Amino acid sequence: MGGWEGGIRVPGIVCWPGVLPAGRVIQEPTSLMDVFPTVVQLAGGQVPQDRVMDGHSLLPLLQEADEHSAHDFLFHYCGKYLHAARWHDKHSGRLWKVHYMTPQFHPEGAGACYGRGVCPCSGDGVTQHSPPLLFDLSKDPSEARPLSPGTEPLYQAVIATVGEAVRNHRKTLSPVPQQFSLSNILWKPWLQPCCGTFPFCSCSQDGDHSET
């Protein structure tokens, strides 16, 4: 799904009897990256201070100490490729989504990549958007109506703000060895993505062709 909401917007359920009230619904966008700092805080520890941590503890949100998520921006990757980014403008309450590239769904007009196993993350299987696609998720959560300078007065300002956030985010990234390289996963079957028939589980980089 790349950065589309259909592959991202999923519910998270937290159960903590005696601490969190039942039945409360939180509408704020959060991330699976928030689980780690949340567990660390619950255990009385401290997250590493020698790097930028993309996650934020969920405790202030769960315990109603904060009204809004600590995420102003969330960055949505497909593999190692940044496909989209969202900005929650807490001043206006609007939730913006910018797509820089999107998978080419198959067959044409479908909402997924049927027959391919997974959607490609790069190359000929994606569409690069210049200028980027912009959606107002607070009014259009299904991302059905892309905005333009003619339909949204804030178009240029939002694109610029999210673009600056993306550039700052990329400055915090450090290259790491390829974790799915053959030498790293050969004797670690629990790390092997299985695109083929087990035990022939190697996959191409974009995951759209199995190799057996």
Protein backbone atom coordinates (compact mmCIF):
# COMPACT_ATOMS: atom_id res chain seq x y z
CA MET A 1 0.00 0.00 0.00
CA GLY A 2 2.99 2.35 0.28
CA GLY A 3 1.92 5.46 2.19
CA TRP A 4 -1.83 5.23 1.60
CA GLU A 5 -4.14 5.34 4.61
CA GLY A 6 -5.53 1.91 3.73
CA GLY A 7 -2.24 0.37 4.80
CA ILE A 8 -1.59 2.70 7.74
CA ARG A 9 -4.80 3.70 9.52
CA VAL A 10 -5.35 0.76 11.83
CA PRO A 11 -6.71 0.72 15.38
CA GLY A 12 -4.52 0.20 18.42
CA ILE A 13 -6.05 -1.30 21.55
CA VAL A 14 -4.55 -0.81 25.02
CA CYS A 15 -5.86 -2.67 28.07
CA TRP A 16 -4.61 -1.71 31.54
CA PRO A 17 -7.24 -2.63 34.16
CA GLY A 18 -7.30 -0.35 37.16
CA VAL A 19 -5.23 2.33 35.46
CA LEU A 20 -6.85 3.22 32.13
CA PRO A 21 -10.62 3.71 31.93
CA ALA A 22 -12.46 1.35 29.59
CA GLY A 23 -14.19 2.61 26.50
CA ARG A 24 -12.17 5.78 25.92
CA VAL A 25 -11.32 6.53 22.30
CA ILE A 26 -8.21 8.52 21.34
CA GLN A 27 -8.27 9.97 17.83
CA GLU A 28 -4.64 11.13 17.75
CA PRO A 29 -2.24 9.60 15.20
CA THR A 30 0.45 7.48 16.80
CA SER A 31 2.99 4.95 15.56
CA LEU A 32 4.29 1.49 16.34
CA MET A 33 7.59 3.27 16.99
CA ASP A 34 5.92 4.66 20.12
CA VAL A 35 5.71 1.21 21.73
CA PHE A 36 9.42 1.06 22.56
CA PRO A 37 9.68 4.38 24.47
CA THR A 38 6.38 3.60 26.19
CA VAL A 39 7.64 0.25 27.50
CA VAL A 40 10.96 1.82 28.51
CA GLN A 41 9.15 4.49 30.53
CA LEU A 42 6.90 1.89 32.17
CA ALA A 43 10.00 -0.08 33.18
CA GLY A 44 11.58 3.02 34.73
CA GLY A 45 14.33 3.24 32.14
CA GLN A 46 15.49 5.90 29.71
CA VAL A 47 15.65 5.68 25.93
CA PRO A 48 19.11 6.08 24.31
CA GLN A 49 20.31 9.67 24.32
CA ASP A 50 22.98 9.29 21.63
CA ARG A 51 20.54 9.26 18.71
CA VAL A 52 17.24 10.72 17.56
CA MET A 53 14.35 8.52 18.64
CA ASP A 54 11.41 8.68 16.25
CA GLY A 55 8.97 7.27 18.79
CA HIS A 56 7.35 9.02 21.75
CA SER A 57 5.94 7.52 24.92
CA LEU A 58 2.19 7.05 24.76
CA LEU A 59 1.70 7.36 28.52
CA PRO A 60 0.90 11.11 28.56
CA LEU A 61 -1.74 10.50 25.90
CA LEU A 62 -3.16 7.37 27.53
CA GLN A 63 -3.29 8.96 30.98
CA GLU A 64 -4.82 12.19 29.58
CA ALA A 65 -1.87 14.30 30.68
CA ASP A 66 -1.60 15.47 27.05
CA GLU A 67 -4.46 16.19 24.70
CA HIS A 68 -2.46 15.69 21.51
CA SER A 69 0.05 13.16 20.25
CA ALA A 70 3.69 14.21 20.53
CA HIS A 71 4.01 13.66 16.76
CA ASP A 72 3.70 16.80 14.69
CA PHE A 73 4.96 14.82 11.71
CA LEU A 74 4.94 11.14 10.82
CA PHE A 75 6.98 9.72 7.94
CA HIS A 76 5.71 6.73 6.01
CA TYR A 77 8.23 4.44 4.34
CA CYS A 78 7.94 1.61 1.88
CA GLY A 79 11.12 -0.35 2.49
CA LYS A 80 13.85 2.27 2.61
CA TYR A 81 11.94 4.73 0.45
CA LEU A 82 9.97 7.58 2.00
CA HIS A 83 6.62 7.60 0.21
CA ALA A 84 4.58 10.03 2.28
CA ALA A 85 4.51 12.28 5.32
CA ARG A 86 1.72 13.67 7.47
CA TRP A 87 1.50 16.86 9.46
CA HIS A 88 -0.90 17.40 12.31
CA ASP A 89 -1.24 21.16 12.56
CA LYS A 90 -2.26 21.46 16.19
CA HIS A 91 -3.11 25.15 15.80
CA SER A 92 -5.81 24.55 13.20
CA GLY A 93 -6.52 20.90 14.02
CA ARG A 94 -6.13 19.92 10.38
CA LEU A 95 -4.31 16.74 9.42
CA TRP A 96 -2.40 16.97 6.16
CA LYS A 97 -0.89 14.14 4.12
CA VAL A 98 1.71 14.59 1.38
CA HIS A 99 2.57 11.79 -1.06
CA TYR A 100 5.91 11.96 -2.86
CA MET A 101 5.49 8.61 -4.59
CA THR A 102 2.75 5.99 -4.73
CA PRO A 103 2.67 2.35 -5.86
CA GLN A 104 1.05 1.63 -9.20
CA PHE A 105 -1.84 -0.61 -8.21
CA HIS A 106 -2.50 -3.72 -10.26
CA PRO A 107 -4.77 -4.23 -12.11
CA GLU A 108 -5.35 -0.58 -12.99
CA GLY A 109 -8.10 0.91 -10.86
CA ALA A 110 -7.66 -1.61 -8.05
CA GLY A 111 -6.86 -0.53 -4.52
CA ALA A 112 -3.90 -2.86 -4.07
CA CYS A 113 -1.30 -4.83 -6.02
CA TYR A 114 -3.19 -8.02 -6.76
CA GLY A 115 -1.17 -10.78 -8.38
CA ARG A 116 2.14 -9.28 -7.25
CA GLY A 117 2.15 -10.34 -3.61
CA VAL A 118 3.24 -6.90 -2.39
CA CYS A 119 3.32 -3.44 -3.91
CA PRO A 120 6.73 -2.31 -5.19
CA CYS A 121 8.50 0.44 -3.27
CA SER A 122 10.56 1.96 -6.07
CA GLY A 123 11.50 1.76 -9.71
CA ASP A 124 9.01 1.33 -12.52
CA GLY A 125 6.35 0.11 -10.11
CA VAL A 126 5.80 3.50 -8.44
CA THR A 127 4.67 6.91 -9.63
CA GLN A 128 6.78 9.92 -8.63
CA HIS A 129 4.67 12.99 -7.88
CA SER A 130 6.09 16.43 -8.66
CA PRO A 131 4.47 18.45 -7.26
CA PRO A 132 3.47 16.06 -4.45
CA LEU A 133 -0.09 14.93 -3.85
CA LEU A 134 -1.75 16.73 -0.94
CA PHE A 135 -4.79 15.58 1.03
CA ASP A 136 -6.62 17.04 4.01
CA LEU A 137 -7.22 13.88 6.06
CA SER A 138 -9.38 15.76 8.55
CA LYS A 139 -11.95 16.19 5.75
CA ASP A 140 -10.94 13.44 3.34
CA PRO A 141 -9.63 10.40 5.28
CA SER A 142 -10.06 8.13 2.24
CA GLU A 143 -7.67 10.30 0.22
CA ALA A 144 -10.14 10.53 -2.63
CA ARG A 145 -9.76 14.23 -3.44
CA PRO A 146 -6.20 15.50 -4.00
CA LEU A 147 -5.87 19.23 -3.40
CA SER A 148 -4.28 21.79 -5.68
CA PRO A 149 -3.28 25.46 -5.43
CA GLY A 150 -6.62 26.28 -7.02
CA THR A 151 -8.69 24.34 -4.48
CA GLU A 152 -6.63 24.88 -1.31
CA PRO A 153 -5.23 28.32 -0.43
CA LEU A 154 -2.72 26.75 1.97
CA TYR A 155 -1.39 24.29 -0.60
CA GLN A 156 2.04 25.86 -1.10
CA ALA A 157 2.51 26.60 2.60
CA VAL A 158 1.66 23.02 3.62
CA ILE A 159 3.92 21.50 0.94
CA ALA A 160 6.77 23.76 2.10
CA THR A 161 6.26 22.99 5.80
CA VAL A 162 6.14 19.22 5.28
CA GLY A 163 9.09 19.39 2.88
CA GLU A 164 11.20 21.15 5.49
CA ALA A 165 10.21 18.53 8.07
CA VAL A 166 11.26 15.77 5.67
CA ARG A 167 14.66 17.39 5.10
CA ASN A 168 15.23 17.75 8.86
CA HIS A 169 14.14 14.15 9.40
CA ARG A 170 16.59 12.86 6.80
CA LYS A 171 19.44 14.67 8.53
CA THR A 172 18.87 12.45 11.57
CA LEU A 173 19.25 9.20 9.62
CA SER A 174 22.46 7.19 9.66
CA PRO A 175 23.25 4.44 7.14
CA VAL A 176 23.34 0.92 8.53
CA PRO A 177 24.41 -2.42 7.02
CA GLN A 178 21.77 -4.21 4.95
CA GLN A 179 19.96 -6.30 7.56
CA PHE A 180 18.48 -8.65 4.98
CA SER A 181 21.75 -9.35 3.16
CA LEU A 182 22.35 -13.01 2.38
CA SER A 183 25.34 -13.19 4.71
CA ASN A 184 23.27 -11.84 7.60
CA ILE A 185 20.16 -13.99 7.21
CA LEU A 186 21.66 -17.24 5.89
CA TRP A 187 21.71 -18.90 9.33
CA LYS A 188 18.89 -16.80 10.79
CA PRO A 189 15.63 -18.13 9.32
CA TRP A 190 13.63 -15.88 11.67
CA LEU A 191 14.97 -12.87 9.74
CA GLN A 192 14.16 -14.22 6.29
CA PRO A 193 11.20 -12.62 4.52
CA CYS A 194 9.41 -15.49 2.82
CA CYS A 195 8.34 -14.45 -0.68
CA GLY A 196 8.69 -17.94 -2.10
CA THR A 197 7.87 -21.43 -0.87
CA PHE A 198 9.45 -22.26 2.48
CA PRO A 199 12.36 -22.84 2.94
CA PHE A 200 13.24 -20.97 -0.29
CA CYS A 201 12.45 -17.60 1.17
CA SER A 202 14.75 -15.07 -0.47
CA CYS A 203 13.16 -11.96 -1.97
CA SER A 204 14.22 -9.21 -4.32
CA GLN A 205 14.96 -5.82 -2.78
CA ASP A 206 11.52 -4.40 -3.56
CA GLY A 207 9.76 -7.62 -2.69
CA ASP A 208 7.75 -7.83 -5.90
CA HIS A 209 9.47 -10.92 -7.34
CA SER A 210 10.21 -14.12 -5.47
CA GLU A 211 13.44 -16.00 -6.02
CA THR A 212 13.42 -19.71 -5.41
